[in-house]
Amino acid sequence: MRRTMRRVWAATVLPLVLAVTVAGARADGGAPAPAPVPAVARVWPVGVRPPVLRGWEPPASVYGPGHRGVDLGTAAGEPVRAVAAGRVSYAGRVAGRGVVSVELAGTGLRTTYEPVTATVRKGEEVAAGQVVGAVEGTGAHCGAAVCVHWGLLRGEVYLDPLLLVPPWLLNRGPSRLLPVLGVPLPEG
C-alpha cells in the first residue's frame, strides 16, 4: 500500500510541485517575475488620447527618485473617468490635493487619479468610463500645465499605468470621416 501511494505521489504530485516551482523561478535564480498587467482599460482617464506630459520613470529603490505614474495633459474642470470597472477604495484629499483610487475588478490592481475633485464615494462600484471626478486646476505638479497624475499599484508596488491601455485604445486618434466612393463631396 505504501509503495503504491509513493508511486501515485511521485507520478502526480511531485511533477506538479516541480512545474509550479520552475515556472515561478527566474533563470538567474532571483525572485519570480511579476505578474503581467492586463490591458483592461476601456477609456482614457481624461480626453480621447491625452498627451503624456511626463512618463513612467520607475525608481531604483522603494524610496528612490522617479515618477510613479504618468501625467496626462488636460484642462481644469474636465471629467476624470474610471479606466475600467472596479470599486472606489479612496475618494478624498491627501496633502491638499484631491485623490480618487479605484480597485480594478478581478485584477489585484489599484489605479489612482490626482488632483481630482471626487464625485464618487469610497465603496462605490464604478463602470469603465464612469466619471469619478473633475480635474482640479490647482497645484504645481505639472508646472504651468494642467495635468492628471495617473498611477497604478499592485499591493505597494508602483507599475506603469499605460500597460493597462490595450493597443486599440493606445493608438486610436480622433475619428476622421472619409468620402464614400462615387459620392461627390460638397464644395465650400
Protein backbone atom coordinates (compact mmCIF):
# COMPACT_ATOMS: atom_id res chain seq x y z
CA MET A 1 0.00 0.00 0.00
CA ARG A 2 2.78 2.43 0.92
CA ARG A 3 4.66 1.61 -2.25
CA THR A 4 1.51 2.32 -4.32
CA MET A 5 0.98 5.66 -2.53
CA ARG A 6 4.60 6.63 -3.17
CA ARG A 7 4.23 5.82 -6.86
CA VAL A 8 1.00 7.83 -7.09
CA TRP A 9 2.60 10.76 -5.29
CA ALA A 10 5.74 10.57 -7.45
CA ALA A 11 3.68 10.33 -10.63
CA THR A 12 1.15 13.09 -9.93
CA VAL A 13 2.02 15.42 -7.08
CA LEU A 14 5.80 15.72 -7.50
CA PRO A 15 5.69 16.83 -11.19
CA LEU A 16 3.05 19.42 -10.33
CA VAL A 17 5.15 20.85 -7.47
CA LEU A 18 8.22 20.95 -9.72
CA ALA A 19 6.31 22.63 -12.55
CA VAL A 20 4.99 25.35 -10.25
CA THR A 21 8.43 25.87 -8.71
CA VAL A 22 10.19 26.06 -12.08
CA ALA A 23 7.52 28.34 -13.57
CA GLY A 24 7.87 30.77 -10.66
CA ALA A 25 11.68 30.91 -10.72
CA ARG A 26 13.75 33.18 -12.90
CA ALA A 27 16.64 31.90 -14.95
CA ASP A 28 19.10 33.98 -12.90
CA GLY A 29 17.86 32.41 -9.64
CA GLY A 30 16.23 35.66 -8.46
CA ALA A 31 12.68 36.28 -7.36
CA PRO A 32 9.79 35.19 -9.59
CA ALA A 33 8.89 37.57 -12.38
CA PRO A 34 5.97 39.86 -11.51
CA ALA A 35 2.57 39.01 -12.91
CA PRO A 36 1.82 40.83 -16.16
CA VAL A 37 -0.51 43.81 -16.14
CA PRO A 38 -3.73 43.02 -18.03
CA ALA A 39 -4.74 45.59 -20.67
CA VAL A 40 -8.20 46.17 -19.15
CA ALA A 41 -8.63 49.91 -19.82
CA ARG A 42 -11.64 50.76 -21.96
CA VAL A 43 -11.21 54.57 -21.91
CA TRP A 44 -8.54 57.12 -21.09
CA PRO A 45 -8.86 58.82 -17.68
CA VAL A 46 -9.17 62.19 -19.46
CA GLY A 47 -9.95 63.08 -23.06
CA VAL A 48 -9.75 60.81 -26.11
CA ARG A 49 -5.96 60.48 -26.42
CA PRO A 50 -4.38 62.95 -24.00
CA PRO A 51 -0.74 63.97 -24.33
CA VAL A 52 1.64 62.30 -21.88
CA LEU A 53 3.45 65.26 -20.33
CA ARG A 54 5.69 63.07 -18.19
CA GLY A 55 6.05 59.32 -18.48
CA TRP A 56 6.71 56.44 -16.15
CA GLU A 57 10.15 56.55 -14.51
CA PRO A 58 10.44 53.61 -12.10
CA PRO A 59 12.57 54.28 -9.02
CA ALA A 60 15.69 52.18 -8.45
CA SER A 61 14.64 51.61 -4.83
CA VAL A 62 11.46 51.87 -2.78
CA TYR A 63 12.20 55.44 -1.66
CA GLY A 64 14.39 56.44 -4.62
CA PRO A 65 13.67 59.22 -7.09
CA GLY A 66 11.43 58.53 -10.05
CA HIS A 67 7.96 59.17 -11.37
CA ARG A 68 5.45 56.61 -10.13
CA GLY A 69 2.82 57.16 -12.80
CA VAL A 70 2.17 59.28 -15.87
CA ASP A 71 1.00 62.88 -16.19
CA LEU A 72 -1.75 63.37 -18.78
CA GLY A 73 -2.33 66.85 -20.17
CA THR A 74 -5.88 68.13 -19.79
CA ALA A 75 -7.85 71.22 -18.73
CA ALA A 76 -9.18 72.24 -15.33
CA GLY A 77 -12.74 71.05 -14.78
CA GLU A 78 -12.52 68.21 -17.33
CA PRO A 79 -14.20 64.96 -16.26
CA VAL A 80 -11.98 62.15 -14.97
CA ARG A 81 -13.20 58.63 -15.81
CA ALA A 82 -12.52 55.19 -14.38
CA VAL A 83 -10.44 53.35 -17.00
CA ALA A 84 -12.01 50.00 -16.07
CA ALA A 85 -14.73 48.63 -13.81
CA GLY A 86 -13.99 48.43 -10.11
CA ARG A 87 -14.70 49.71 -6.61
CA VAL A 88 -13.65 53.09 -5.22
CA SER A 89 -11.14 52.45 -2.42
CA TYR A 90 -10.47 56.12 -1.64
CA ALA A 91 -12.02 59.45 -2.54
CA GLY A 92 -10.73 62.44 -0.60
CA ARG A 93 -7.79 64.72 -0.03
CA VAL A 94 -4.13 63.85 0.51
CA ALA A 95 -1.61 66.62 1.19
CA GLY A 96 -4.12 69.22 -0.01
CA ARG A 97 -4.88 67.50 -3.32
CA GLY A 98 -7.95 65.53 -4.31
CA VAL A 99 -7.32 61.83 -4.95
CA VAL A 100 -9.57 59.07 -6.27
CA SER A 101 -8.40 55.47 -6.13
CA VAL A 102 -10.21 52.56 -7.80
CA GLU A 103 -9.52 48.84 -7.23
CA LEU A 104 -9.89 47.28 -10.68
CA ALA A 105 -12.25 44.30 -10.66
CA GLY A 106 -10.59 40.89 -10.73
CA THR A 107 -7.02 42.16 -11.24
CA GLY A 108 -5.45 42.86 -7.84
CA LEU A 109 -4.57 46.31 -9.22
CA ARG A 110 -5.44 49.79 -7.97
CA THR A 111 -5.37 52.92 -10.11
CA THR A 112 -5.18 56.48 -8.77
CA TYR A 113 -6.04 59.87 -10.21
CA GLU A 114 -4.95 63.26 -8.84
CA PRO A 115 -5.59 66.18 -8.44
CA VAL A 116 -9.28 65.38 -8.75
CA THR A 117 -12.41 66.67 -7.03
CA ALA A 118 -14.25 63.40 -6.39
CA THR A 119 -17.84 62.82 -7.48
CA VAL A 120 -17.83 59.26 -6.09
CA ARG A 121 -17.56 57.82 -2.58
CA LYS A 122 -15.46 55.08 -1.03
CA GLY A 123 -17.05 51.67 -1.60
CA GLU A 124 -18.99 52.72 -4.69
CA GLU A 125 -18.91 50.39 -7.70
CA VAL A 126 -17.89 52.14 -10.93
CA ALA A 127 -18.11 51.07 -14.56
CA ALA A 128 -15.45 51.64 -17.21
CA GLY A 129 -15.85 55.19 -18.47
CA GLN A 130 -17.88 56.36 -15.48
CA VAL A 131 -16.98 59.87 -14.28
CA VAL A 132 -15.27 59.69 -10.87
CA GLY A 133 -14.40 63.38 -10.54
CA ALA A 134 -13.23 66.57 -12.20
CA VAL A 135 -9.69 67.84 -12.76
CA GLU A 136 -8.60 70.41 -10.19
CA GLY A 137 -6.79 73.38 -11.71
CA THR A 138 -4.65 73.96 -8.66
CA GLY A 139 -1.25 72.59 -7.77
CA ALA A 140 2.13 72.78 -9.41
CA HIS A 141 2.69 69.11 -10.17
CA CYS A 142 2.97 69.81 -13.91
CA GLY A 143 4.30 73.34 -13.65
CA ALA A 144 2.22 75.79 -15.69
CA ALA A 145 0.29 72.99 -17.44
CA VAL A 146 -2.81 71.33 -16.01
CA CYS A 147 -2.50 67.57 -15.75
CA VAL A 148 -3.84 64.46 -14.08
CA HIS A 149 -1.31 62.19 -12.43
CA TRP A 150 -2.43 58.63 -13.21
CA GLY A 151 -0.88 55.92 -11.06
CA LEU A 152 -1.12 52.13 -10.86
CA LEU A 153 -0.26 49.84 -7.96
CA ARG A 154 -0.21 46.12 -7.27
CA GLY A 155 -0.11 46.00 -3.48
CA GLU A 156 2.53 48.59 -2.61
CA VAL A 157 4.45 48.25 -5.90
CA TYR A 158 4.02 51.01 -8.47
CA LEU A 159 3.59 49.99 -12.12
CA ASP A 160 3.31 51.83 -15.42
CA PRO A 161 -0.41 52.67 -15.87
CA LEU A 162 0.00 52.77 -19.67
CA LEU A 163 0.27 48.96 -19.51
CA LEU A 164 -3.48 48.96 -18.78
CA VAL A 165 -4.18 50.53 -22.18
CA PRO A 166 -4.74 47.99 -24.98
CA PRO A 167 -3.17 48.74 -28.39
CA TRP A 168 -6.52 49.61 -30.00
CA LEU A 169 -7.01 52.38 -27.42
CA LEU A 170 -3.37 53.45 -27.18
CA ASN A 171 -3.03 54.07 -30.91
CA ARG A 172 -6.52 55.42 -31.55
CA GLY A 173 -6.62 59.02 -32.62
CA PRO A 174 -9.59 61.21 -33.42
CA SER A 175 -12.11 59.83 -35.90
CA ARG A 176 -11.85 61.02 -39.49
CA LEU A 177 -14.69 60.83 -41.97
CA LEU A 178 -13.66 59.62 -45.39
CA PRO A 179 -15.61 60.23 -48.60
CA VAL A 180 -17.80 57.43 -49.87
CA LEU A 181 -16.65 56.27 -53.30
CA GLY A 182 -18.79 57.66 -56.11
CA VAL A 183 -20.44 60.32 -53.95
CA PRO A 184 -19.24 63.85 -54.70
CA LEU A 185 -18.09 65.94 -51.75
CA PRO A 186 -19.90 69.23 -51.11
CA GLU A 187 -17.87 72.28 -52.00
CA GLY A 188 -17.25 75.07 -49.59
